[in-house]
Amino acid sequence: MKNLAGKVIALASDHAGFEKKQVIVNYLQKQGIACKDFGCYSEESCDYPDFAHKIGKAVNEGEFEIGITFCGSGQGISITANKYPNVRSALCWNAEIGALAKQHNNANICAIPARFVTEDETIAIVDAYLNAEFEGGRHERRIAKIPIK
């Protein structure tokens, strides 16, 4: 894994994503990577926007450079986080998409569809996303066109 020394990865989920989030919390800790968990903290039913807003605000304001989110489909938590102007949350359902989210879109949040990926796939997605580098070039021009002017 690329050097993430000194960086803290922001994490958030709803109840449907809680189990996969815990897999990644444990995985990151074993890799020596610090994380901040914005919730939720159990499998008790809850609303994904409550946690998407917490991580979205933190990434938007530059408190964290990157985050990883989880909900059942990955869609709702990603849609909500993307309401923040400096957030680029990408739905990542496999490792190739996880890498491309960073390489081409400079995504600062990787959203994972917890009900549709295995634990091994979840780890592979996170590895691919965290190890990828933004390629810049033509992609920089495209990203500059995303904000509403």
N, C-alpha and C. Protein backbone atom coordinates (compact mmCIF):
# COMPACT_ATOMS: atom_id res chain seq x y z
N MET A 1 0.85 -1.18 0.00
CA MET A 1 0.00 0.00 0.00
C MET A 1 0.89 1.23 0.00
N LYS A 2 0.50 2.25 -0.77
CA LYS A 2 1.31 3.46 -0.83
C LYS A 2 1.40 4.10 0.55
N ASN A 3 2.35 4.96 0.72
CA ASN A 3 2.60 5.57 2.02
C ASN A 3 1.47 6.53 2.39
N LEU A 4 0.73 6.19 3.40
CA LEU A 4 -0.34 7.05 3.91
C LEU A 4 0.01 7.57 5.29
N ALA A 5 1.30 7.56 5.60
CA ALA A 5 1.75 8.00 6.92
C ALA A 5 1.27 9.42 7.20
N GLY A 6 0.72 9.59 8.37
CA GLY A 6 0.24 10.90 8.79
C GLY A 6 -1.14 11.26 8.31
N LYS A 7 -1.68 10.47 7.40
CA LYS A 7 -3.04 10.73 6.92
C LYS A 7 -4.03 9.90 7.70
N VAL A 8 -5.21 10.46 7.87
CA VAL A 8 -6.29 9.76 8.55
C VAL A 8 -7.41 9.58 7.52
N ILE A 9 -7.90 8.37 7.40
CA ILE A 9 -8.97 8.06 6.46
C ILE A 9 -10.30 8.22 7.18
N ALA A 10 -11.20 9.02 6.61
CA ALA A 10 -12.54 9.21 7.16
C ALA A 10 -13.42 8.05 6.71
N LEU A 11 -14.26 7.54 7.60
CA LEU A 11 -15.17 6.44 7.29
C LEU A 11 -16.57 6.77 7.78
N ALA A 12 -17.58 6.28 7.06
CA ALA A 12 -18.97 6.44 7.48
C ALA A 12 -19.81 5.35 6.84
N SER A 13 -20.91 5.02 7.52
CA SER A 13 -21.84 4.02 6.99
C SER A 13 -23.20 4.21 7.62
N ASP A 14 -24.17 3.53 7.02
CA ASP A 14 -25.45 3.34 7.69
C ASP A 14 -25.44 1.91 8.24
N HIS A 15 -26.58 1.45 8.73
CA HIS A 15 -26.66 0.11 9.31
C HIS A 15 -26.32 -0.99 8.31
N ALA A 16 -26.72 -0.80 7.05
CA ALA A 16 -26.47 -1.83 6.03
C ALA A 16 -24.99 -1.94 5.70
N GLY A 17 -24.26 -0.88 5.90
CA GLY A 17 -22.83 -0.88 5.61
C GLY A 17 -21.94 -1.08 6.82
N PHE A 18 -22.54 -1.16 7.99
CA PHE A 18 -21.76 -1.23 9.23
C PHE A 18 -20.77 -2.39 9.24
N GLU A 19 -21.22 -3.58 8.88
CA GLU A 19 -20.34 -4.77 8.94
C GLU A 19 -19.13 -4.61 8.02
N LYS A 20 -19.35 -4.15 6.79
CA LYS A 20 -18.22 -3.98 5.85
C LYS A 20 -17.31 -2.84 6.31
N LYS A 21 -17.90 -1.82 6.91
CA LYS A 21 -17.06 -0.73 7.43
C LYS A 21 -16.13 -1.27 8.51
N GLN A 22 -16.64 -2.14 9.38
CA GLN A 22 -15.82 -2.71 10.44
C GLN A 22 -14.69 -3.55 9.85
N VAL A 23 -14.95 -4.24 8.77
CA VAL A 23 -13.90 -5.01 8.08
C VAL A 23 -12.77 -4.06 7.68
N ILE A 24 -13.13 -2.90 7.15
CA ILE A 24 -12.13 -1.95 6.69
C ILE A 24 -11.45 -1.24 7.86
N VAL A 25 -12.18 -0.94 8.90
CA VAL A 25 -11.55 -0.36 10.10
C VAL A 25 -10.44 -1.29 10.57
N ASN A 26 -10.75 -2.57 10.71
CA ASN A 26 -9.77 -3.55 11.17
C ASN A 26 -8.62 -3.70 10.19
N TYR A 27 -8.94 -3.73 8.91
CA TYR A 27 -7.92 -3.85 7.87
C TYR A 27 -6.96 -2.66 7.91
N LEU A 28 -7.49 -1.45 7.96
CA LEU A 28 -6.65 -0.26 7.99
C LEU A 28 -5.77 -0.23 9.24
N GLN A 29 -6.35 -0.60 10.37
CA GLN A 29 -5.57 -0.63 11.61
C GLN A 29 -4.41 -1.61 11.51
N LYS A 30 -4.64 -2.78 10.90
CA LYS A 30 -3.57 -3.76 10.71
C LYS A 30 -2.48 -3.24 9.79
N GLN A 31 -2.85 -2.34 8.88
CA GLN A 31 -1.89 -1.73 7.95
C GLN A 31 -1.20 -0.53 8.58
N GLY A 32 -1.59 -0.16 9.80
CA GLY A 32 -1.01 0.99 10.47
C GLY A 32 -1.56 2.31 9.98
N ILE A 33 -2.76 2.28 9.41
CA ILE A 33 -3.39 3.48 8.88
C ILE A 33 -4.49 3.92 9.84
N ALA A 34 -4.42 5.18 10.24
CA ALA A 34 -5.41 5.72 11.17
C ALA A 34 -6.70 6.05 10.44
N CYS A 35 -7.81 5.95 11.16
CA CYS A 35 -9.10 6.30 10.57
C CYS A 35 -9.97 7.00 11.61
N LYS A 36 -10.90 7.77 11.10
CA LYS A 36 -11.90 8.46 11.92
C LYS A 36 -13.26 7.93 11.48
N ASP A 37 -13.99 7.34 12.40
CA ASP A 37 -15.29 6.74 12.11
C ASP A 37 -16.40 7.74 12.47
N PHE A 38 -17.10 8.19 11.45
CA PHE A 38 -18.20 9.13 11.64
C PHE A 38 -19.53 8.42 11.91
N GLY A 39 -19.51 7.11 12.10
CA GLY A 39 -20.73 6.37 12.38
C GLY A 39 -21.25 5.73 11.10
N CYS A 40 -22.29 4.97 11.25
CA CYS A 40 -22.99 4.58 12.45
C CYS A 40 -22.16 3.56 13.24
N TYR A 41 -22.66 3.20 14.39
CA TYR A 41 -21.87 2.37 15.29
C TYR A 41 -22.53 1.04 15.64
N SER A 42 -23.53 0.63 14.86
CA SER A 42 -24.18 -0.66 15.07
C SER A 42 -25.00 -1.00 13.83
N GLU A 43 -25.62 -2.17 13.86
CA GLU A 43 -26.49 -2.58 12.76
C GLU A 43 -27.94 -2.15 12.99
N GLU A 44 -28.18 -1.34 14.01
CA GLU A 44 -29.53 -0.83 14.27
C GLU A 44 -29.92 0.12 13.14
N SER A 45 -31.14 -0.02 12.65
CA SER A 45 -31.61 0.77 11.53
C SER A 45 -31.39 2.27 11.77
N CYS A 46 -30.86 2.94 10.74
CA CYS A 46 -30.59 4.37 10.82
C CYS A 46 -30.68 4.95 9.41
N ASP A 47 -30.48 6.24 9.29
CA ASP A 47 -30.63 6.94 8.01
C ASP A 47 -29.28 7.37 7.47
N TYR A 48 -28.93 6.88 6.27
CA TYR A 48 -27.61 7.17 5.68
C TYR A 48 -27.30 8.66 5.56
N PRO A 49 -28.28 9.55 5.31
CA PRO A 49 -27.89 10.97 5.19
C PRO A 49 -27.24 11.54 6.45
N ASP A 50 -27.63 11.04 7.62
CA ASP A 50 -27.06 11.55 8.86
C ASP A 50 -25.54 11.38 8.88
N PHE A 51 -25.05 10.28 8.34
CA PHE A 51 -23.62 9.98 8.37
C PHE A 51 -22.92 10.50 7.12
N ALA A 52 -23.64 10.53 6.01
CA ALA A 52 -23.08 11.12 4.78
C ALA A 52 -22.80 12.60 4.97
N HIS A 53 -23.68 13.29 5.69
CA HIS A 53 -23.45 14.71 5.93
C HIS A 53 -22.23 14.93 6.82
N LYS A 54 -22.03 14.07 7.80
CA LYS A 54 -20.86 14.22 8.68
C LYS A 54 -19.56 14.08 7.90
N ILE A 55 -19.45 13.03 7.11
CA ILE A 55 -18.21 12.81 6.35
C ILE A 55 -18.11 13.81 5.20
N GLY A 56 -19.22 14.11 4.57
CA GLY A 56 -19.21 15.09 3.47
C GLY A 56 -18.72 16.44 3.93
N LYS A 57 -19.21 16.90 5.05
CA LYS A 57 -18.80 18.20 5.60
C LYS A 57 -17.31 18.19 5.94
N ALA A 58 -16.84 17.11 6.55
CA ALA A 58 -15.43 17.02 6.96
C ALA A 58 -14.49 17.00 5.74
N VAL A 59 -14.86 16.26 4.71
CA VAL A 59 -14.03 16.22 3.49
C VAL A 59 -14.14 17.56 2.76
N ASN A 60 -15.34 18.09 2.67
CA ASN A 60 -15.56 19.37 2.00
C ASN A 60 -14.70 20.48 2.60
N GLU A 61 -14.59 20.50 3.92
CA GLU A 61 -13.85 21.56 4.61
C GLU A 61 -12.35 21.27 4.72
N GLY A 62 -11.91 20.13 4.16
CA GLY A 62 -10.49 19.81 4.15
C GLY A 62 -9.96 19.19 5.41
N GLU A 63 -10.86 18.82 6.31
CA GLU A 63 -10.42 18.16 7.55
C GLU A 63 -9.81 16.79 7.24
N PHE A 64 -10.33 16.14 6.19
CA PHE A 64 -9.82 14.85 5.71
C PHE A 64 -9.67 14.92 4.20
N GLU A 65 -8.58 14.33 3.68
CA GLU A 65 -8.36 14.31 2.23
C GLU A 65 -9.19 13.25 1.54
N ILE A 66 -9.35 12.11 2.21
CA ILE A 66 -10.08 11.00 1.59
C ILE A 66 -10.98 10.31 2.59
N GLY A 67 -12.04 9.72 2.05
CA GLY A 67 -12.98 8.98 2.88
C GLY A 67 -13.49 7.76 2.17
N ILE A 68 -14.08 6.88 2.94
CA ILE A 68 -14.69 5.66 2.41
C ILE A 68 -16.06 5.54 3.09
N THR A 69 -17.10 5.35 2.29
CA THR A 69 -18.45 5.23 2.82
C THR A 69 -19.07 3.91 2.40
N PHE A 70 -20.08 3.50 3.16
CA PHE A 70 -20.77 2.23 2.92
C PHE A 70 -22.24 2.40 3.20
N CYS A 71 -23.08 1.95 2.30
CA CYS A 71 -24.50 1.75 2.59
C CYS A 71 -24.93 0.56 1.75
N GLY A 72 -26.18 0.19 1.82
CA GLY A 72 -26.62 -1.02 1.13
C GLY A 72 -26.24 -1.04 -0.34
N SER A 73 -26.62 -0.01 -1.07
CA SER A 73 -26.32 0.07 -2.50
C SER A 73 -25.11 0.95 -2.79
N GLY A 74 -24.69 1.72 -1.81
CA GLY A 74 -23.63 2.70 -2.01
C GLY A 74 -24.14 4.00 -2.62
N GLN A 75 -25.33 3.95 -3.18
CA GLN A 75 -25.88 5.11 -3.91
C GLN A 75 -26.29 6.24 -2.98
N GLY A 76 -27.12 5.95 -2.00
CA GLY A 76 -27.68 7.01 -1.17
C GLY A 76 -26.63 7.80 -0.42
N ILE A 77 -25.66 7.11 0.16
CA ILE A 77 -24.63 7.79 0.92
C ILE A 77 -23.74 8.62 0.00
N SER A 78 -23.53 8.12 -1.22
CA SER A 78 -22.73 8.85 -2.21
C SER A 78 -23.47 10.08 -2.73
N ILE A 79 -24.74 9.92 -3.04
CA ILE A 79 -25.53 11.06 -3.52
C ILE A 79 -25.53 12.18 -2.48
N THR A 80 -25.72 11.82 -1.23
CA THR A 80 -25.76 12.82 -0.17
C THR A 80 -24.40 13.50 0.00
N ALA A 81 -23.33 12.74 0.04
CA ALA A 81 -21.99 13.33 0.20
C ALA A 81 -21.67 14.27 -0.96
N ASN A 82 -22.15 13.93 -2.14
CA ASN A 82 -21.88 14.76 -3.32
C ASN A 82 -22.62 16.09 -3.31
N LYS A 83 -23.46 16.34 -2.34
CA LYS A 83 -24.11 17.64 -2.21
C LYS A 83 -23.11 18.72 -1.79
N TYR A 84 -21.97 18.31 -1.26
CA TYR A 84 -20.94 19.25 -0.82
C TYR A 84 -20.04 19.59 -2.01
N PRO A 85 -19.78 20.88 -2.24
CA PRO A 85 -19.11 21.29 -3.48
C PRO A 85 -17.69 20.76 -3.67
N ASN A 86 -16.97 20.45 -2.62
CA ASN A 86 -15.60 19.96 -2.76
C ASN A 86 -15.51 18.44 -2.63
N VAL A 87 -16.64 17.77 -2.65
CA VAL A 87 -16.65 16.31 -2.55
C VAL A 87 -16.89 15.71 -3.93
N ARG A 88 -16.09 14.69 -4.23
CA ARG A 88 -16.30 13.86 -5.41
C ARG A 88 -16.37 12.42 -4.92
N SER A 89 -17.59 11.98 -4.64
CA SER A 89 -17.82 10.62 -4.15
C SER A 89 -18.14 9.73 -5.33
N ALA A 90 -17.42 8.62 -5.44
CA ALA A 90 -17.60 7.69 -6.55
C ALA A 90 -18.06 6.33 -6.04
N LEU A 91 -19.10 5.80 -6.66
CA LEU A 91 -19.59 4.47 -6.33
C LEU A 91 -18.63 3.43 -6.92
N CYS A 92 -18.04 2.61 -6.06
CA CYS A 92 -17.01 1.65 -6.48
C CYS A 92 -17.44 0.23 -6.11
N TRP A 93 -17.74 -0.58 -7.11
CA TRP A 93 -18.23 -1.94 -6.87
C TRP A 93 -17.21 -3.01 -7.19
N ASN A 94 -16.05 -2.62 -7.72
CA ASN A 94 -14.96 -3.58 -7.90
C ASN A 94 -13.63 -2.82 -7.86
N ALA A 95 -12.53 -3.54 -7.83
CA ALA A 95 -11.22 -2.91 -7.67
C ALA A 95 -10.87 -2.01 -8.84
N GLU A 96 -11.20 -2.41 -10.05
CA GLU A 96 -10.88 -1.58 -11.21
C GLU A 96 -11.59 -0.23 -11.14
N ILE A 97 -12.86 -0.25 -10.76
CA ILE A 97 -13.61 1.01 -10.61
C ILE A 97 -13.02 1.82 -9.46
N GLY A 98 -12.61 1.17 -8.39
CA GLY A 98 -11.99 1.87 -7.27
C GLY A 98 -10.74 2.62 -7.70
N ALA A 99 -9.89 1.98 -8.48
CA ALA A 99 -8.68 2.64 -8.98
C ALA A 99 -9.03 3.77 -9.94
N LEU A 100 -9.95 3.52 -10.86
CA LEU A 100 -10.33 4.56 -11.83
C LEU A 100 -10.97 5.76 -11.18
N ALA A 101 -11.69 5.54 -10.09
CA ALA A 101 -12.31 6.66 -9.38
C ALA A 101 -11.26 7.68 -8.97
N LYS A 102 -10.11 7.20 -8.52
CA LYS A 102 -9.01 8.10 -8.14
C LYS A 102 -8.23 8.56 -9.38
N GLN A 103 -7.88 7.64 -10.26
CA GLN A 103 -7.03 7.96 -11.41
C GLN A 103 -7.67 8.98 -12.35
N HIS A 104 -8.94 8.81 -12.65
CA HIS A 104 -9.60 9.65 -13.65
C HIS A 104 -10.48 10.74 -13.06
N ASN A 105 -11.06 10.49 -11.89
CA ASN A 105 -12.02 11.44 -11.31
C ASN A 105 -11.50 12.13 -10.06
N ASN A 106 -10.32 11.74 -9.60
CA ASN A 106 -9.75 12.27 -8.37
C ASN A 106 -10.78 12.25 -7.24
N ALA A 107 -11.53 11.15 -7.18
CA ALA A 107 -12.56 10.99 -6.13
C ALA A 107 -11.91 11.09 -4.77
N ASN A 108 -12.54 11.86 -3.88
CA ASN A 108 -12.02 11.95 -2.52
C ASN A 108 -12.86 11.13 -1.55
N ILE A 109 -13.93 10.52 -2.04
CA ILE A 109 -14.68 9.53 -1.27
C ILE A 109 -14.97 8.33 -2.17
N CYS A 110 -14.69 7.15 -1.64
CA CYS A 110 -14.98 5.89 -2.31
C CYS A 110 -16.22 5.30 -1.62
N ALA A 111 -17.32 5.20 -2.35
CA ALA A 111 -18.58 4.68 -1.80
C ALA A 111 -18.72 3.22 -2.21
N ILE A 112 -18.95 2.36 -1.24
CA ILE A 112 -19.00 0.91 -1.48
C ILE A 112 -20.41 0.38 -1.21
N PRO A 113 -20.94 -0.42 -2.17
CA PRO A 113 -22.28 -1.01 -2.00
C PRO A 113 -22.20 -2.28 -1.15
N ALA A 114 -22.35 -2.12 0.15
CA ALA A 114 -22.08 -3.20 1.10
C ALA A 114 -22.88 -4.47 0.88
N ARG A 115 -24.09 -4.35 0.39
CA ARG A 115 -24.92 -5.56 0.20
C ARG A 115 -24.55 -6.33 -1.06
N PHE A 116 -23.64 -5.80 -1.87
CA PHE A 116 -23.34 -6.41 -3.17
C PHE A 116 -21.89 -6.81 -3.35
N VAL A 117 -21.08 -6.68 -2.29
CA VAL A 117 -19.68 -7.08 -2.37
C VAL A 117 -19.32 -7.94 -1.17
N THR A 118 -18.38 -8.85 -1.38
CA THR A 118 -17.89 -9.69 -0.29
C THR A 118 -16.87 -8.92 0.53
N GLU A 119 -16.45 -9.50 1.64
CA GLU A 119 -15.39 -8.87 2.44
C GLU A 119 -14.10 -8.76 1.64
N ASP A 120 -13.74 -9.82 0.92
CA ASP A 120 -12.52 -9.78 0.10
C ASP A 120 -12.62 -8.72 -0.99
N GLU A 121 -13.77 -8.62 -1.63
CA GLU A 121 -13.96 -7.60 -2.66
C GLU A 121 -13.88 -6.19 -2.06
N THR A 122 -14.43 -6.04 -0.86
CA THR A 122 -14.37 -4.74 -0.18
C THR A 122 -12.93 -4.33 0.06
N ILE A 123 -12.12 -5.24 0.55
CA ILE A 123 -10.70 -4.95 0.79
C ILE A 123 -10.00 -4.63 -0.52
N ALA A 124 -10.29 -5.39 -1.57
CA ALA A 124 -9.66 -5.15 -2.87
C ALA A 124 -10.03 -3.76 -3.42
N ILE A 125 -11.27 -3.36 -3.25
CA ILE A 125 -11.71 -2.03 -3.70
C ILE A 125 -10.95 -0.95 -2.94
N VAL A 126 -10.88 -1.09 -1.63
CA VAL A 126 -10.19 -0.10 -0.79
C VAL A 126 -8.71 -0.05 -1.15
N ASP A 127 -8.07 -1.19 -1.31
CA ASP A 127 -6.66 -1.22 -1.71
C ASP A 127 -6.44 -0.50 -3.04
N ALA A 128 -7.27 -0.83 -4.01
CA ALA A 128 -7.12 -0.22 -5.34
C ALA A 128 -7.31 1.30 -5.26
N TYR A 129 -8.31 1.73 -4.53
CA TYR A 129 -8.59 3.16 -4.39
C TYR A 129 -7.44 3.87 -3.67
N LEU A 130 -6.99 3.33 -2.55
CA LEU A 130 -5.95 3.99 -1.77
C LEU A 130 -4.59 3.97 -2.45
N ASN A 131 -4.34 2.98 -3.29
CA ASN A 131 -3.06 2.89 -3.99
C ASN A 131 -3.01 3.66 -5.30
N ALA A 132 -4.15 4.07 -5.80
CA ALA A 132 -4.20 4.78 -7.07
C ALA A 132 -3.78 6.23 -6.90
N GLU A 133 -3.26 6.79 -7.96
CA GLU A 133 -2.86 8.20 -8.00
C GLU A 133 -3.66 8.90 -9.10
N PHE A 134 -4.05 10.13 -8.85
CA PHE A 134 -4.74 10.92 -9.87
C PHE A 134 -3.79 11.15 -11.04
N GLU A 135 -4.26 10.91 -12.26
CA GLU A 135 -3.43 11.02 -13.45
C GLU A 135 -3.33 12.44 -13.99
N GLY A 136 -4.22 13.33 -13.57
CA GLY A 136 -4.17 14.72 -14.06
C GLY A 136 -4.41 14.79 -15.56
N GLY A 137 -3.71 15.70 -16.23
CA GLY A 137 -3.84 15.83 -17.69
C GLY A 137 -5.27 16.12 -18.11
N ARG A 138 -5.74 15.36 -19.09
CA ARG A 138 -7.10 15.58 -19.62
C ARG A 138 -8.16 15.43 -18.53
N HIS A 139 -7.86 14.63 -17.52
CA HIS A 139 -8.82 14.43 -16.44
C HIS A 139 -8.96 15.68 -15.58
N GLU A 140 -7.89 16.42 -15.42
CA GLU A 140 -7.93 17.68 -14.65
C GLU A 140 -8.90 18.66 -15.30
N ARG A 141 -8.84 18.76 -16.62
CA ARG A 141 -9.72 19.65 -17.37
C ARG A 141 -11.18 19.26 -17.16
N ARG A 142 -11.46 18.00 -17.17
CA ARG A 142 -12.83 17.52 -17.00
C ARG A 142 -13.35 17.77 -15.59
N ILE A 143 -12.51 17.53 -14.61
CA ILE A 143 -12.91 17.76 -13.22
C ILE A 143 -13.19 19.24 -12.97
N ALA A 144 -12.43 20.10 -13.64
CA ALA A 144 -12.63 21.54 -13.48
C ALA A 144 -14.02 21.97 -13.99
N LYS A 145 -14.64 21.16 -14.83
CA LYS A 145 -15.96 21.48 -15.38
C LYS A 145 -17.12 20.97 -14.52
N ILE A 146 -16.83 20.25 -13.46
CA ILE A 146 -17.89 19.66 -12.63
C ILE A 146 -18.66 20.71 -11.83
N PRO A 147 -18.01 21.63 -11.14
CA PRO A 147 -18.78 22.57 -10.30
C PRO A 147 -19.74 23.45 -11.11
N ILE A 148 -20.86 23.75 -10.50
CA ILE A 148 -21.81 24.69 -11.10
C ILE A 148 -21.23 26.08 -10.92
N LYS A 149 -21.14 26.79 -12.01
CA LYS A 149 -20.53 28.16 -11.97
C LYS A 149 -21.61 29.20 -11.85
